[in-house]
Amino acid sequence: MTTEDKKAKMLGKINEIKSNIETFISDVNVNDIKKSFKGMMKEAQKDFNKLVDQDLSVMKKKLQKEKDDVEKKAQKFLNDHKKEIHSLQVKLEKLVKKTAQVQNSSKKKTVKKAKKSIKKA
């Protein structure tokens, strides 16, 4: 085979492929392909939205549960510290009363001593 025979054979194959493509394109309606593609895209979008909605609801439930847990822990923490602060306040009030009584009694003793020393003088 000469190169011209090879070229002719190659051109023949190219023309055959070209005619096959043209036949395929003429057989296939582009509008049908577009409609089919749009349908597939809508279906895929529905499936995707469905999955996202499911994941969203699961995440909402998890976040709500975590929020409730944190609120319970915070409330327990506050209640415990309120009790502790109340007991400290009661102790402080008792201490203040005792201190006031001690100061009053020491003032009375000082006043009595002062009166006795004035009487002696």
N, C-alpha and C. Protein backbone atom coordinates (compact mmCIF):
# COMPACT_ATOMS: atom_id res chain seq x y z
N MET A 1 0.82 -1.18 0.00
CA MET A 1 0.00 0.00 0.00
C MET A 1 0.87 1.24 0.00
N THR A 2 0.45 2.12 -0.85
CA THR A 2 1.18 3.37 -0.93
C THR A 2 0.56 4.36 0.03
N THR A 3 1.23 5.47 0.17
CA THR A 3 0.73 6.49 1.09
C THR A 3 -0.59 7.08 0.59
N GLU A 4 -0.75 7.16 -0.70
CA GLU A 4 -2.00 7.70 -1.22
C GLU A 4 -3.15 6.75 -0.94
N ASP A 5 -2.88 5.47 -1.01
CA ASP A 5 -3.92 4.49 -0.68
C ASP A 5 -4.29 4.61 0.81
N LYS A 6 -3.27 4.81 1.63
CA LYS A 6 -3.51 4.97 3.07
C LYS A 6 -4.32 6.23 3.33
N LYS A 7 -3.97 7.31 2.61
CA LYS A 7 -4.70 8.57 2.79
C LYS A 7 -6.15 8.39 2.36
N ALA A 8 -6.36 7.75 1.27
CA ALA A 8 -7.70 7.53 0.75
C ALA A 8 -8.50 6.67 1.72
N LYS A 9 -7.86 5.65 2.24
CA LYS A 9 -8.51 4.77 3.19
C LYS A 9 -8.87 5.55 4.46
N MET A 10 -7.95 6.40 4.93
CA MET A 10 -8.15 7.21 6.13
C MET A 10 -9.30 8.18 5.91
N LEU A 11 -9.32 8.83 4.74
CA LEU A 11 -10.41 9.76 4.44
C LEU A 11 -11.74 9.02 4.36
N GLY A 12 -11.72 7.85 3.84
CA GLY A 12 -12.93 7.03 3.77
C GLY A 12 -13.46 6.73 5.17
N LYS A 13 -12.56 6.36 6.07
CA LYS A 13 -12.95 6.07 7.46
C LYS A 13 -13.50 7.32 8.13
N ILE A 14 -12.82 8.47 7.93
CA ILE A 14 -13.26 9.74 8.52
C ILE A 14 -14.66 10.09 8.00
N ASN A 15 -14.87 9.94 6.69
CA ASN A 15 -16.18 10.23 6.12
C ASN A 15 -17.24 9.28 6.66
N GLU A 16 -16.87 8.04 6.88
CA GLU A 16 -17.80 7.06 7.45
C GLU A 16 -18.20 7.45 8.87
N ILE A 17 -17.19 7.84 9.66
CA ILE A 17 -17.46 8.27 11.05
C ILE A 17 -18.34 9.51 11.03
N LYS A 18 -18.03 10.45 10.13
CA LYS A 18 -18.80 11.68 10.03
C LYS A 18 -20.26 11.37 9.70
N SER A 19 -20.48 10.48 8.76
CA SER A 19 -21.85 10.12 8.38
C SER A 19 -22.56 9.41 9.52
N ASN A 20 -21.82 8.58 10.29
CA ASN A 20 -22.41 7.91 11.46
C ASN A 20 -22.86 8.93 12.50
N ILE A 21 -22.02 9.93 12.74
CA ILE A 21 -22.35 10.98 13.72
C ILE A 21 -23.56 11.78 13.24
N GLU A 22 -23.56 12.16 12.00
CA GLU A 22 -24.69 12.92 11.46
C GLU A 22 -25.97 12.11 11.54
N THR A 23 -25.90 10.83 11.27
CA THR A 23 -27.07 9.96 11.36
C THR A 23 -27.57 9.89 12.80
N PHE A 24 -26.63 9.74 13.72
CA PHE A 24 -26.98 9.66 15.15
C PHE A 24 -27.65 10.94 15.61
N ILE A 25 -27.06 12.09 15.22
CA ILE A 25 -27.61 13.39 15.62
C ILE A 25 -29.00 13.59 15.01
N SER A 26 -29.18 13.19 13.77
CA SER A 26 -30.49 13.35 13.14
C SER A 26 -31.52 12.42 13.77
N ASP A 27 -31.09 11.26 14.24
CA ASP A 27 -32.01 10.33 14.89
C ASP A 27 -32.43 10.83 16.28
N VAL A 28 -31.52 11.48 16.97
CA VAL A 28 -31.78 11.94 18.33
C VAL A 28 -32.33 13.35 18.27
N ASN A 29 -33.45 13.54 18.94
CA ASN A 29 -34.05 14.87 19.01
C ASN A 29 -33.44 15.59 20.22
N VAL A 30 -32.85 16.72 19.99
CA VAL A 30 -32.16 17.48 21.04
C VAL A 30 -33.16 17.94 22.10
N ASN A 31 -34.34 18.31 21.69
CA ASN A 31 -35.35 18.76 22.66
C ASN A 31 -35.73 17.62 23.62
N ASP A 32 -35.80 16.40 23.09
CA ASP A 32 -36.08 15.27 23.96
C ASP A 32 -34.97 15.07 25.00
N ILE A 33 -33.74 15.26 24.55
CA ILE A 33 -32.60 15.14 25.47
C ILE A 33 -32.67 16.23 26.53
N LYS A 34 -33.01 17.45 26.11
CA LYS A 34 -33.12 18.56 27.08
C LYS A 34 -34.19 18.26 28.12
N LYS A 35 -35.36 17.78 27.65
CA LYS A 35 -36.45 17.46 28.57
C LYS A 35 -36.03 16.35 29.53
N SER A 36 -35.39 15.36 28.99
CA SER A 36 -34.93 14.24 29.81
C SER A 36 -33.93 14.72 30.86
N PHE A 37 -33.00 15.56 30.42
CA PHE A 37 -31.99 16.09 31.34
C PHE A 37 -32.63 16.95 32.42
N LYS A 38 -33.59 17.81 32.04
CA LYS A 38 -34.28 18.64 33.03
C LYS A 38 -35.02 17.77 34.05
N GLY A 39 -35.65 16.71 33.56
CA GLY A 39 -36.35 15.79 34.45
C GLY A 39 -35.41 15.13 35.44
N MET A 40 -34.26 14.70 34.93
CA MET A 40 -33.27 14.07 35.81
C MET A 40 -32.76 15.07 36.85
N MET A 41 -32.55 16.32 36.43
CA MET A 41 -32.06 17.35 37.35
C MET A 41 -33.10 17.66 38.43
N LYS A 42 -34.38 17.74 38.04
CA LYS A 42 -35.43 17.99 39.03
C LYS A 42 -35.51 16.85 40.03
N GLU A 43 -35.42 15.65 39.55
CA GLU A 43 -35.46 14.48 40.42
C GLU A 43 -34.27 14.46 41.37
N ALA A 44 -33.10 14.78 40.85
CA ALA A 44 -31.90 14.84 41.68
C ALA A 44 -32.04 15.94 42.73
N GLN A 45 -32.61 17.08 42.35
CA GLN A 45 -32.80 18.19 43.29
C GLN A 45 -33.78 17.78 44.40
N LYS A 46 -34.85 17.07 44.04
CA LYS A 46 -35.80 16.60 45.05
C LYS A 46 -35.12 15.65 46.03
N ASP A 47 -34.35 14.73 45.49
CA ASP A 47 -33.64 13.77 46.36
C ASP A 47 -32.67 14.49 47.28
N PHE A 48 -31.96 15.45 46.72
CA PHE A 48 -30.98 16.21 47.52
C PHE A 48 -31.70 16.98 48.62
N ASN A 49 -32.79 17.66 48.28
CA ASN A 49 -33.54 18.43 49.28
C ASN A 49 -34.08 17.53 50.38
N LYS A 50 -34.53 16.34 49.98
CA LYS A 50 -35.05 15.38 50.95
C LYS A 50 -33.95 14.98 51.94
N LEU A 51 -32.77 14.69 51.42
CA LEU A 51 -31.65 14.32 52.30
C LEU A 51 -31.25 15.46 53.21
N VAL A 52 -31.21 16.67 52.65
CA VAL A 52 -30.84 17.85 53.46
C VAL A 52 -31.87 18.07 54.56
N ASP A 53 -33.15 17.94 54.24
CA ASP A 53 -34.19 18.12 55.24
C ASP A 53 -34.07 17.09 56.35
N GLN A 54 -33.77 15.85 55.98
CA GLN A 54 -33.60 14.82 57.00
C GLN A 54 -32.42 15.15 57.91
N ASP A 55 -31.31 15.53 57.30
CA ASP A 55 -30.12 15.88 58.09
C ASP A 55 -30.39 17.09 58.98
N LEU A 56 -31.13 18.04 58.43
CA LEU A 56 -31.46 19.24 59.20
C LEU A 56 -32.30 18.89 60.42
N SER A 57 -33.29 18.04 60.24
CA SER A 57 -34.14 17.67 61.38
C SER A 57 -33.32 16.93 62.43
N VAL A 58 -32.42 16.06 62.00
CA VAL A 58 -31.56 15.34 62.95
C VAL A 58 -30.68 16.33 63.72
N MET A 59 -30.11 17.29 63.02
CA MET A 59 -29.24 18.28 63.67
C MET A 59 -30.04 19.15 64.63
N LYS A 60 -31.27 19.52 64.24
CA LYS A 60 -32.11 20.33 65.13
C LYS A 60 -32.38 19.57 66.43
N LYS A 61 -32.69 18.28 66.30
CA LYS A 61 -32.96 17.47 67.49
C LYS A 61 -31.73 17.40 68.39
N LYS A 62 -30.57 17.19 67.78
CA LYS A 62 -29.32 17.11 68.56
C LYS A 62 -29.05 18.43 69.28
N LEU A 63 -29.20 19.53 68.56
CA LEU A 63 -28.94 20.84 69.16
C LEU A 63 -29.94 21.15 70.27
N GLN A 64 -31.19 20.78 70.08
CA GLN A 64 -32.20 21.00 71.12
C GLN A 64 -31.87 20.20 72.37
N LYS A 65 -31.44 18.95 72.16
CA LYS A 65 -31.08 18.10 73.30
C LYS A 65 -29.88 18.69 74.05
N GLU A 66 -28.88 19.13 73.30
CA GLU A 66 -27.70 19.73 73.94
C GLU A 66 -28.09 21.00 74.68
N LYS A 67 -28.97 21.80 74.10
CA LYS A 67 -29.43 23.04 74.74
C LYS A 67 -30.13 22.71 76.05
N ASP A 68 -31.02 21.71 76.03
CA ASP A 68 -31.73 21.31 77.24
C ASP A 68 -30.77 20.82 78.31
N ASP A 69 -29.78 20.03 77.90
CA ASP A 69 -28.78 19.53 78.86
C ASP A 69 -28.01 20.68 79.49
N VAL A 70 -27.59 21.64 78.68
CA VAL A 70 -26.83 22.77 79.20
C VAL A 70 -27.69 23.60 80.15
N GLU A 71 -28.96 23.81 79.79
CA GLU A 71 -29.85 24.57 80.65
C GLU A 71 -30.05 23.87 81.99
N LYS A 72 -30.22 22.54 81.96
CA LYS A 72 -30.39 21.79 83.21
C LYS A 72 -29.15 21.91 84.09
N LYS A 73 -27.98 21.75 83.46
CA LYS A 73 -26.73 21.84 84.23
C LYS A 73 -26.55 23.24 84.81
N ALA A 74 -26.88 24.26 84.02
CA ALA A 74 -26.74 25.64 84.49
C ALA A 74 -27.70 25.90 85.64
N GLN A 75 -28.93 25.42 85.52
CA GLN A 75 -29.91 25.61 86.59
C GLN A 75 -29.48 24.90 87.87
N LYS A 76 -28.97 23.68 87.73
CA LYS A 76 -28.48 22.94 88.90
C LYS A 76 -27.32 23.68 89.55
N PHE A 77 -26.40 24.18 88.72
CA PHE A 77 -25.26 24.94 89.22
C PHE A 77 -25.73 26.15 90.01
N LEU A 78 -26.69 26.89 89.43
CA LEU A 78 -27.21 28.08 90.11
C LEU A 78 -27.90 27.72 91.42
N ASN A 79 -28.70 26.68 91.40
CA ASN A 79 -29.41 26.28 92.62
C ASN A 79 -28.43 25.87 93.72
N ASP A 80 -27.41 25.12 93.36
CA ASP A 80 -26.40 24.71 94.34
C ASP A 80 -25.70 25.93 94.94
N HIS A 81 -25.36 26.88 94.09
CA HIS A 81 -24.65 28.05 94.59
C HIS A 81 -25.57 28.99 95.37
N LYS A 82 -26.85 29.02 95.03
CA LYS A 82 -27.79 29.80 95.83
C LYS A 82 -27.86 29.26 97.24
N LYS A 83 -27.92 27.93 97.35
CA LYS A 83 -27.96 27.30 98.68
C LYS A 83 -26.69 27.64 99.46
N GLU A 84 -25.57 27.54 98.79
CA GLU A 84 -24.29 27.82 99.44
C GLU A 84 -24.21 29.28 99.88
N ILE A 85 -24.64 30.18 99.01
CA ILE A 85 -24.61 31.62 99.34
C ILE A 85 -25.57 31.90 100.50
N HIS A 86 -26.73 31.27 100.50
CA HIS A 86 -27.69 31.49 101.58
C HIS A 86 -27.10 31.03 102.92
N SER A 87 -26.47 29.86 102.92
CA SER A 87 -25.89 29.38 104.18
C SER A 87 -24.75 30.30 104.64
N LEU A 88 -23.96 30.79 103.71
CA LEU A 88 -22.91 31.73 104.08
C LEU A 88 -23.49 33.04 104.62
N GLN A 89 -24.59 33.47 104.02
CA GLN A 89 -25.22 34.70 104.48
C GLN A 89 -25.76 34.54 105.90
N VAL A 90 -26.36 33.38 106.20
CA VAL A 90 -26.87 33.11 107.55
C VAL A 90 -25.71 33.13 108.55
N LYS A 91 -24.62 32.48 108.19
CA LYS A 91 -23.44 32.46 109.07
C LYS A 91 -22.90 33.87 109.29
N LEU A 92 -22.86 34.66 108.23
CA LEU A 92 -22.35 36.03 108.33
C LEU A 92 -23.25 36.87 109.23
N GLU A 93 -24.56 36.71 109.08
CA GLU A 93 -25.49 37.47 109.92
C GLU A 93 -25.32 37.11 111.40
N LYS A 94 -25.14 35.82 111.68
CA LYS A 94 -24.91 35.39 113.06
C LYS A 94 -23.62 36.01 113.60
N LEU A 95 -22.60 36.00 112.76
CA LEU A 95 -21.32 36.56 113.17
C LEU A 95 -21.43 38.06 113.43
N VAL A 96 -22.17 38.75 112.58
CA VAL A 96 -22.37 40.19 112.76
C VAL A 96 -23.11 40.46 114.06
N LYS A 97 -24.13 39.65 114.36
CA LYS A 97 -24.88 39.83 115.61
C LYS A 97 -23.98 39.60 116.81
N LYS A 98 -23.18 38.54 116.76
CA LYS A 98 -22.27 38.26 117.88
C LYS A 98 -21.26 39.39 118.05
N THR A 99 -20.74 39.89 116.92
CA THR A 99 -19.78 40.98 116.99
C THR A 99 -20.44 42.22 117.58
N ALA A 100 -21.66 42.49 117.19
CA ALA A 100 -22.38 43.65 117.73
C ALA A 100 -22.62 43.47 119.22
N GLN A 101 -22.98 42.25 119.65
CA GLN A 101 -23.22 41.99 121.07
C GLN A 101 -21.93 42.16 121.86
N VAL A 102 -20.84 41.66 121.32
CA VAL A 102 -19.54 41.77 122.00
C VAL A 102 -19.16 43.24 122.11
N GLN A 103 -19.36 44.01 121.06
CA GLN A 103 -19.01 45.43 121.09
C GLN A 103 -19.90 46.16 122.09
N ASN A 104 -21.18 45.83 122.12
CA ASN A 104 -22.09 46.49 123.07
C ASN A 104 -21.72 46.15 124.51
N SER A 105 -21.41 44.90 124.77
CA SER A 105 -21.06 44.50 126.14
C SER A 105 -19.73 45.13 126.54
N SER A 106 -18.79 45.25 125.61
CA SER A 106 -17.50 45.87 125.96
C SER A 106 -17.70 47.37 126.19
N LYS A 107 -18.62 48.00 125.46
CA LYS A 107 -18.92 49.42 125.69
C LYS A 107 -19.55 49.61 127.07
N LYS A 108 -20.47 48.69 127.43
CA LYS A 108 -21.14 48.78 128.73
C LYS A 108 -20.13 48.63 129.86
N LYS A 109 -19.20 47.67 129.70
CA LYS A 109 -18.17 47.47 130.72
C LYS A 109 -17.29 48.71 130.84
N THR A 110 -16.96 49.30 129.73
CA THR A 110 -16.12 50.49 129.74
C THR A 110 -16.86 51.64 130.41
N VAL A 111 -18.14 51.77 130.10
CA VAL A 111 -18.96 52.83 130.70
C VAL A 111 -19.07 52.61 132.20
N LYS A 112 -19.30 51.34 132.64
CA LYS A 112 -19.40 51.04 134.06
C LYS A 112 -18.10 51.34 134.77
N LYS A 113 -16.99 50.98 134.17
CA LYS A 113 -15.68 51.24 134.77
C LYS A 113 -15.44 52.74 134.88
N ALA A 114 -15.86 53.46 133.84
CA ALA A 114 -15.68 54.91 133.86
C ALA A 114 -16.52 55.54 134.96
N LYS A 115 -17.74 55.05 135.15
CA LYS A 115 -18.62 55.57 136.20
C LYS A 115 -18.03 55.29 137.58
N LYS A 116 -17.51 54.08 137.76
CA LYS A 116 -16.91 53.71 139.06
C LYS A 116 -15.70 54.59 139.35
N SER A 117 -14.89 54.85 138.34
CA SER A 117 -13.71 55.67 138.58
C SER A 117 -14.09 57.12 138.84
N ILE A 118 -15.19 57.57 138.26
CA ILE A 118 -15.66 58.94 138.52
C ILE A 118 -16.20 59.05 139.93
N LYS A 119 -16.94 58.02 140.38
CA LYS A 119 -17.49 58.02 141.74
C LYS A 119 -16.35 58.01 142.76
N LYS A 120 -15.30 57.27 142.52
CA LYS A 120 -14.19 57.19 143.45
C LYS A 120 -13.46 58.52 143.51
N ALA A 121 -13.42 59.19 142.42
CA ALA A 121 -12.70 60.46 142.37
C ALA A 121 -13.56 61.48 143.05
